[in-house]
């Protein structure tokens, strides 16, 4: 699993009810907070659940990657 940072765009395996697969990472820690790029819905996933659901990561972060 590639490391994600705040601001990255992630594509999840399952479609959101609004029809979007794209999510923006808002917070990273033991939980990961995401915002739907289409409807703006915010969700919080546990780290393990997030890692299972991610299909790909697009770099859009603020450059704070280490």
N, C-alpha and C. Protein backbone atom coordinates (compact mmCIF):
# COMPACT_ATOMS: atom_id res chain seq x y z
N UNK A 1 0.85 -1.19 0.00
CA UNK A 1 0.00 0.00 0.00
C UNK A 1 0.89 1.24 0.00
N UNK A 2 0.77 2.08 -1.03
CA UNK A 2 1.55 3.32 -1.03
C UNK A 2 1.08 4.26 0.08
N UNK A 3 2.02 5.03 0.62
CA UNK A 3 1.68 5.97 1.69
C UNK A 3 0.86 7.12 1.12
N UNK A 4 -0.15 7.54 1.86
CA UNK A 4 -0.99 8.66 1.44
C UNK A 4 -0.76 9.85 2.36
N UNK A 5 -0.94 11.03 1.82
CA UNK A 5 -0.79 12.28 2.57
C UNK A 5 -2.04 13.12 2.38
N UNK A 6 -2.18 14.10 3.23
CA UNK A 6 -3.31 15.03 3.12
C UNK A 6 -3.27 15.70 1.75
N UNK A 7 -4.42 15.73 1.10
CA UNK A 7 -4.53 16.35 -0.22
C UNK A 7 -4.44 15.38 -1.37
N UNK A 8 -3.97 14.15 -1.13
CA UNK A 8 -3.91 13.16 -2.19
C UNK A 8 -5.31 12.78 -2.64
N UNK A 9 -5.43 12.39 -3.91
CA UNK A 9 -6.68 11.87 -4.42
C UNK A 9 -6.57 10.36 -4.49
N UNK A 10 -7.56 9.67 -3.97
CA UNK A 10 -7.56 8.21 -4.01
C UNK A 10 -8.79 7.72 -4.76
N UNK A 11 -8.62 6.60 -5.43
CA UNK A 11 -9.73 5.96 -6.14
C UNK A 11 -10.06 4.69 -5.37
N UNK A 12 -11.32 4.57 -4.95
CA UNK A 12 -11.75 3.39 -4.20
C UNK A 12 -12.30 2.34 -5.15
N UNK A 13 -12.33 1.09 -4.68
CA UNK A 13 -12.77 -0.03 -5.51
C UNK A 13 -14.27 0.03 -5.80
N UNK A 14 -15.05 0.51 -4.83
CA UNK A 14 -16.51 0.55 -5.00
C UNK A 14 -16.97 1.98 -5.27
N UNK A 15 -17.99 2.12 -6.07
CA UNK A 15 -18.53 3.42 -6.41
C UNK A 15 -19.37 3.96 -5.24
N UNK A 16 -19.28 5.27 -5.03
CA UNK A 16 -20.11 5.95 -4.03
C UNK A 16 -21.52 6.08 -4.63
N UNK A 17 -22.57 6.13 -3.82
CA UNK A 17 -23.93 6.26 -4.36
C UNK A 17 -24.13 7.45 -5.30
N UNK A 18 -23.32 8.48 -5.18
CA UNK A 18 -23.44 9.64 -6.08
C UNK A 18 -22.84 9.34 -7.45
N UNK A 19 -22.08 8.24 -7.58
CA UNK A 19 -21.51 7.85 -8.85
C UNK A 19 -20.02 8.08 -8.98
N UNK A 20 -19.37 8.60 -7.96
CA UNK A 20 -17.94 8.91 -8.01
C UNK A 20 -17.09 7.82 -7.37
N UNK A 21 -15.89 7.65 -7.90
CA UNK A 21 -14.89 6.76 -7.30
C UNK A 21 -13.79 7.57 -6.62
N UNK A 22 -13.70 8.88 -6.91
CA UNK A 22 -12.60 9.72 -6.47
C UNK A 22 -12.87 10.37 -5.12
N UNK A 23 -11.86 10.31 -4.23
CA UNK A 23 -11.96 10.89 -2.89
C UNK A 23 -10.69 11.68 -2.59
N UNK A 24 -10.80 12.76 -1.83
CA UNK A 24 -9.65 13.55 -1.40
C UNK A 24 -9.36 13.23 0.06
N UNK A 25 -8.09 13.01 0.39
CA UNK A 25 -7.68 12.69 1.76
C UNK A 25 -7.62 13.97 2.58
N UNK A 26 -8.37 14.01 3.69
CA UNK A 26 -8.42 15.19 4.56
C UNK A 26 -7.57 15.01 5.82
N UNK A 27 -7.46 13.78 6.32
CA UNK A 27 -6.73 13.53 7.56
C UNK A 27 -6.19 12.11 7.52
N UNK A 28 -4.97 11.94 8.02
CA UNK A 28 -4.33 10.63 8.03
C UNK A 28 -3.83 10.35 9.44
N UNK A 29 -4.10 9.17 9.93
CA UNK A 29 -3.67 8.74 11.26
C UNK A 29 -4.11 7.30 11.43
N UNK A 30 -4.60 6.95 12.61
CA UNK A 30 -5.15 5.61 12.79
C UNK A 30 -6.46 5.49 12.03
N UNK A 31 -7.10 6.63 11.77
CA UNK A 31 -8.27 6.72 10.90
C UNK A 31 -7.88 7.57 9.70
N UNK A 32 -8.60 7.40 8.60
CA UNK A 32 -8.37 8.22 7.42
C UNK A 32 -9.68 8.92 7.09
N UNK A 33 -9.65 10.24 7.01
CA UNK A 33 -10.82 11.03 6.68
C UNK A 33 -10.79 11.37 5.20
N UNK A 34 -11.92 11.13 4.52
CA UNK A 34 -12.01 11.34 3.08
C UNK A 34 -13.19 12.24 2.74
N UNK A 35 -13.08 12.95 1.61
CA UNK A 35 -14.17 13.78 1.10
C UNK A 35 -14.42 13.40 -0.35
N UNK A 36 -15.67 13.10 -0.69
CA UNK A 36 -16.04 12.73 -2.05
C UNK A 36 -15.83 13.93 -2.96
N UNK A 37 -15.18 13.71 -4.08
CA UNK A 37 -14.88 14.80 -5.01
C UNK A 37 -16.11 15.26 -5.79
N UNK A 38 -17.17 14.47 -5.82
CA UNK A 38 -18.36 14.84 -6.57
C UNK A 38 -19.42 15.49 -5.69
N UNK A 39 -19.79 14.85 -4.58
CA UNK A 39 -20.90 15.36 -3.77
C UNK A 39 -20.45 16.05 -2.49
N UNK A 40 -19.18 15.89 -2.09
CA UNK A 40 -18.67 16.55 -0.90
C UNK A 40 -18.92 15.81 0.40
N UNK A 41 -19.48 14.62 0.34
CA UNK A 41 -19.72 13.82 1.53
C UNK A 41 -18.41 13.47 2.21
N UNK A 42 -18.37 13.55 3.54
CA UNK A 42 -17.16 13.22 4.30
C UNK A 42 -17.38 11.92 5.05
N UNK A 43 -16.36 11.05 5.01
CA UNK A 43 -16.40 9.79 5.74
C UNK A 43 -15.08 9.58 6.46
N UNK A 44 -15.12 8.78 7.52
CA UNK A 44 -13.91 8.41 8.26
C UNK A 44 -13.84 6.89 8.25
N UNK A 45 -12.70 6.35 7.76
CA UNK A 45 -12.49 4.91 7.71
C UNK A 45 -11.31 4.55 8.60
N UNK A 46 -11.40 3.40 9.26
CA UNK A 46 -10.24 2.89 9.99
C UNK A 46 -9.15 2.58 8.97
N UNK A 47 -7.89 2.66 9.40
CA UNK A 47 -6.76 2.49 8.49
C UNK A 47 -6.83 1.17 7.72
N UNK A 48 -7.13 0.06 8.41
CA UNK A 48 -7.21 -1.24 7.74
C UNK A 48 -8.29 -1.29 6.69
N UNK A 49 -9.45 -0.75 7.00
CA UNK A 49 -10.56 -0.71 6.06
C UNK A 49 -10.20 0.15 4.85
N UNK A 50 -9.57 1.30 5.09
CA UNK A 50 -9.15 2.18 4.02
C UNK A 50 -8.18 1.46 3.07
N UNK A 51 -7.19 0.76 3.63
CA UNK A 51 -6.20 0.07 2.81
C UNK A 51 -6.81 -1.04 1.97
N UNK A 52 -7.85 -1.69 2.47
CA UNK A 52 -8.55 -2.72 1.69
C UNK A 52 -9.35 -2.11 0.55
N UNK A 53 -9.90 -0.93 0.75
CA UNK A 53 -10.79 -0.32 -0.24
C UNK A 53 -10.09 0.47 -1.35
N UNK A 54 -8.84 0.87 -1.12
CA UNK A 54 -8.14 1.72 -2.09
C UNK A 54 -7.74 0.92 -3.32
N UNK A 55 -8.03 1.48 -4.50
CA UNK A 55 -7.61 0.89 -5.76
C UNK A 55 -6.34 1.57 -6.26
N UNK A 56 -6.25 2.91 -6.15
CA UNK A 56 -5.07 3.64 -6.59
C UNK A 56 -4.97 4.98 -5.88
N UNK A 57 -3.76 5.55 -5.90
CA UNK A 57 -3.50 6.84 -5.26
C UNK A 57 -2.91 7.78 -6.30
N UNK A 58 -3.51 8.96 -6.45
CA UNK A 58 -2.99 10.00 -7.33
C UNK A 58 -2.39 11.08 -6.45
N UNK A 59 -1.17 11.46 -6.73
CA UNK A 59 -0.50 12.48 -5.92
C UNK A 59 -1.07 13.85 -6.18
N UNK A 60 -1.65 14.42 -5.15
CA UNK A 60 -2.16 15.78 -5.24
C UNK A 60 -1.89 16.50 -3.95
N UNK A 61 -1.01 15.90 -3.16
CA UNK A 61 -0.73 16.40 -1.82
C UNK A 61 0.02 17.69 -1.76
N UNK A 62 0.28 18.13 -0.56
CA UNK A 62 0.93 19.41 -0.34
C UNK A 62 2.44 19.29 -0.28
N UNK A 63 2.99 18.15 -0.67
CA UNK A 63 4.43 17.99 -0.72
C UNK A 63 5.09 17.65 0.60
N UNK A 64 4.31 17.29 1.61
CA UNK A 64 4.88 17.00 2.93
C UNK A 64 5.25 15.52 3.09
N UNK A 65 5.37 14.82 2.00
CA UNK A 65 5.69 13.39 2.03
C UNK A 65 7.14 13.20 2.45
N UNK A 66 7.41 12.19 3.29
CA UNK A 66 8.77 11.93 3.77
C UNK A 66 9.27 10.59 3.31
